């Protein structure tokens, strides 16, 4: 099975299991594009993509998709996804960019190199609720991750099209 153009390792080749999804977004991307022009934006986006891919790989994730300035990746363990999310937020800062990240864990199906299911939709909804520079996670991720992370309760949120409200948490490294 292929994932993101690469042959999947054994754990990624299973058809249904719990994965941790990570979604990213650049804050204010359209305004930045207007300010630096199409050619400048294309160069900046290329550098952004390189650092995001490096963080995904560093934490053992698999890139599933990219659209414009956002990424979707899956991880076998929630602590790896959280680490990648914090790494991405830090890695894009020197580029003059601010990222927001959403992370959720749940069952998904991998077929034809794509990961699908309600858990993926939930992860995608979280990124839009994350504050600039924030990694926002679901309760499922918070309970599956411990040190060196600290969590701040962001309350219960309704997610568009998703049954049941979800408690969300901002995550940061413990001092």
Protein backbone atom coordinates (compact mmCIF):
# COMPACT_ATOMS: atom_id res chain seq x y z
CA UNK A 1 0.00 0.00 0.00
CA UNK A 2 1.25 3.48 -0.79
CA UNK A 3 0.92 6.44 1.54
CA UNK A 4 1.98 9.89 0.40
CA UNK A 5 3.86 8.41 -2.52
CA UNK A 6 5.89 6.02 -0.33
CA UNK A 7 5.45 2.35 0.43
CA UNK A 8 3.83 2.17 3.85
CA UNK A 9 5.58 0.44 6.70
CA UNK A 10 3.74 -2.50 8.28
CA UNK A 11 1.66 -0.55 10.87
CA UNK A 12 0.43 1.91 8.24
CA UNK A 13 -0.68 -0.92 5.93
CA UNK A 14 -3.53 -2.07 8.22
CA UNK A 15 -6.97 -1.22 6.94
CA UNK A 16 -8.70 -0.06 10.17
CA UNK A 17 -7.12 1.02 13.44
CA UNK A 18 -6.69 3.97 15.73
CA UNK A 19 -4.53 6.72 14.26
CA UNK A 20 -3.74 10.17 15.50
CA UNK A 21 -4.41 12.79 12.86
CA UNK A 22 -2.65 16.14 12.66
CA UNK A 23 -3.88 19.08 10.61
CA UNK A 24 -2.02 22.35 10.09
CA UNK A 25 -2.90 25.77 8.74
CA UNK A 26 -0.94 28.98 8.20
CA UNK A 27 -2.56 31.91 10.00
CA UNK A 28 -3.18 34.90 7.72
CA UNK A 29 -1.86 33.16 4.61
CA UNK A 30 -3.90 35.18 2.13
CA UNK A 31 -2.79 38.48 3.63
CA UNK A 32 0.84 37.30 3.59
CA UNK A 33 0.50 36.25 -0.05
CA UNK A 34 -0.90 39.64 -1.02
CA UNK A 35 1.92 41.40 0.85
CA UNK A 36 4.79 39.47 -0.77
CA UNK A 37 3.30 38.62 -4.17
CA UNK A 38 2.82 35.34 -5.97
CA UNK A 39 6.52 34.63 -6.59
CA UNK A 40 7.47 35.44 -2.99
CA UNK A 41 4.61 33.34 -1.70
CA UNK A 42 5.60 30.37 -3.87
CA UNK A 43 9.14 30.53 -2.44
CA UNK A 44 7.89 30.91 1.14
CA UNK A 45 5.40 28.08 0.72
CA UNK A 46 8.16 25.80 -0.57
CA UNK A 47 10.26 26.56 2.54
CA UNK A 48 7.19 26.07 4.76
CA UNK A 49 6.45 22.71 3.21
CA UNK A 50 10.05 21.59 3.72
CA UNK A 51 10.07 22.39 7.45
CA UNK A 52 6.61 20.88 8.04
CA UNK A 53 7.60 17.69 6.24
CA UNK A 54 10.81 17.53 8.27
CA UNK A 55 8.84 17.75 11.55
CA UNK A 56 6.33 15.13 10.42
CA UNK A 57 9.19 12.78 9.51
CA UNK A 58 11.15 13.56 12.70
CA UNK A 59 8.20 12.35 14.79
CA UNK A 60 7.48 9.28 12.65
CA UNK A 61 4.35 10.57 10.93
CA UNK A 62 3.06 9.91 7.45
CA UNK A 63 1.95 12.82 5.28
CA UNK A 64 -1.46 12.02 3.86
CA UNK A 65 -2.33 15.21 2.00
CA UNK A 66 -1.56 18.86 1.55
CA UNK A 67 -3.86 21.56 0.28
CA UNK A 68 -2.63 25.08 -0.21
CA UNK A 69 -0.90 25.91 3.05
CA UNK A 70 -2.27 23.07 5.18
CA UNK A 71 -1.07 19.56 5.91
CA UNK A 72 -2.78 16.36 7.00
CA UNK A 73 -0.61 13.64 8.54
CA UNK A 74 -1.22 10.54 10.63
CA UNK A 75 0.80 9.12 13.50
CA UNK A 76 0.73 5.75 15.22
CA UNK A 77 0.93 7.39 18.66
CA UNK A 78 -0.65 10.62 19.96
CA UNK A 79 2.51 11.79 21.73
CA UNK A 80 4.34 11.79 18.39
CA UNK A 81 1.61 13.86 16.75
CA UNK A 82 1.66 16.38 19.61
CA UNK A 83 5.45 16.62 19.38
CA UNK A 84 5.22 17.19 15.64
CA UNK A 85 2.56 19.85 16.13
CA UNK A 86 4.70 21.79 18.60
CA UNK A 87 7.70 21.31 16.33
CA UNK A 88 5.79 22.68 13.34
CA UNK A 89 4.63 25.76 15.25
CA UNK A 90 8.24 26.47 16.27
CA UNK A 91 9.77 25.62 12.87
CA UNK A 92 7.62 28.02 10.84
CA UNK A 93 8.27 31.03 13.12
CA UNK A 94 11.72 31.80 11.63
CA UNK A 95 9.99 31.95 8.23
CA UNK A 96 7.79 34.78 9.52
CA UNK A 97 4.76 32.48 9.65
CA UNK A 98 2.37 31.43 12.38
CA UNK A 99 0.77 28.01 12.28
CA UNK A 100 -2.20 26.53 14.06
CA UNK A 101 -2.48 22.78 14.57
CA UNK A 102 -5.32 20.38 15.43
CA UNK A 103 -4.72 16.83 16.69
CA UNK A 104 -7.28 14.06 17.28
CA UNK A 105 -7.04 10.29 17.84
CA UNK A 106 -9.62 7.78 16.70
CA UNK A 107 -10.40 4.91 14.39
CA UNK A 108 -9.91 5.45 10.70
CA UNK A 109 -9.72 3.32 7.62
CA UNK A 110 -6.72 3.40 5.32
CA UNK A 111 -7.63 2.48 1.77
CA UNK A 112 -5.92 3.38 -1.49
CA UNK A 113 -3.35 5.36 0.45
CA UNK A 114 -5.96 7.58 2.10
CA UNK A 115 -7.10 7.72 5.71
CA UNK A 116 -10.82 8.35 6.16
CA UNK A 117 -13.50 8.24 8.82
CA UNK A 118 -15.22 10.43 11.39
CA UNK A 119 -12.01 10.73 13.43
CA UNK A 120 -10.35 12.45 10.47
CA UNK A 121 -13.21 14.92 10.13
CA UNK A 122 -12.94 15.73 13.83
CA UNK A 123 -9.21 16.40 13.48
CA UNK A 124 -9.86 18.68 10.53
CA UNK A 125 -12.41 20.67 12.55
CA UNK A 126 -9.96 21.19 15.43
CA UNK A 127 -7.42 23.10 13.38
CA UNK A 128 -9.96 25.83 12.61
CA UNK A 129 -10.60 26.30 16.36
CA UNK A 130 -6.92 26.53 17.31
CA UNK A 131 -5.58 29.98 18.14
CA UNK A 132 -2.58 31.31 16.20
CA UNK A 133 0.53 29.43 17.34
CA UNK A 134 -1.53 26.86 19.22
CA UNK A 135 -1.70 23.07 19.12
CA UNK A 136 -5.30 22.17 20.01
CA UNK A 137 -6.08 18.57 20.91
CA UNK A 138 -9.13 16.48 21.72
CA UNK A 139 -9.80 14.66 24.97
CA UNK A 140 -8.78 11.43 23.23
CA UNK A 141 -5.32 12.85 22.62
CA UNK A 142 -4.98 14.43 26.07
CA UNK A 143 -5.71 11.14 27.82
CA UNK A 144 -3.19 9.32 25.60
CA UNK A 145 -0.32 11.74 26.20
CA UNK A 146 1.58 12.63 29.34
CA UNK A 147 4.89 14.27 30.19
CA UNK A 148 6.51 16.41 28.92
CA UNK A 149 3.24 18.10 27.91
CA UNK A 150 0.90 20.37 29.86
CA UNK A 151 -2.72 20.95 28.84
CA UNK A 152 -5.00 23.97 29.24
CA UNK A 153 -8.75 23.30 29.06
CA UNK A 154 -10.33 25.26 26.20
CA UNK A 155 -13.86 24.14 27.03
CA UNK A 156 -16.50 22.09 25.26
CA UNK A 157 -17.13 22.83 21.58
CA UNK A 158 -19.65 21.80 18.98
CA UNK A 159 -17.89 20.73 15.79
CA UNK A 160 -19.70 21.36 12.51
CA UNK A 161 -21.40 18.19 11.31
CA UNK A 162 -20.02 16.07 14.16
CA UNK A 163 -22.32 14.50 16.74
CA UNK A 164 -21.64 15.25 20.40
CA UNK A 165 -19.71 18.23 21.71
CA UNK A 166 -16.00 17.71 22.43
CA UNK A 167 -13.76 19.00 25.22
CA UNK A 168 -10.61 20.55 23.74
CA UNK A 169 -7.21 21.37 25.18
CA UNK A 170 -4.28 23.57 24.20
CA UNK A 171 -0.95 21.83 24.66
CA UNK A 172 2.52 23.09 25.44
CA UNK A 173 5.78 21.67 26.73
CA UNK A 174 6.05 21.55 30.51
CA UNK A 175 8.67 23.93 31.90
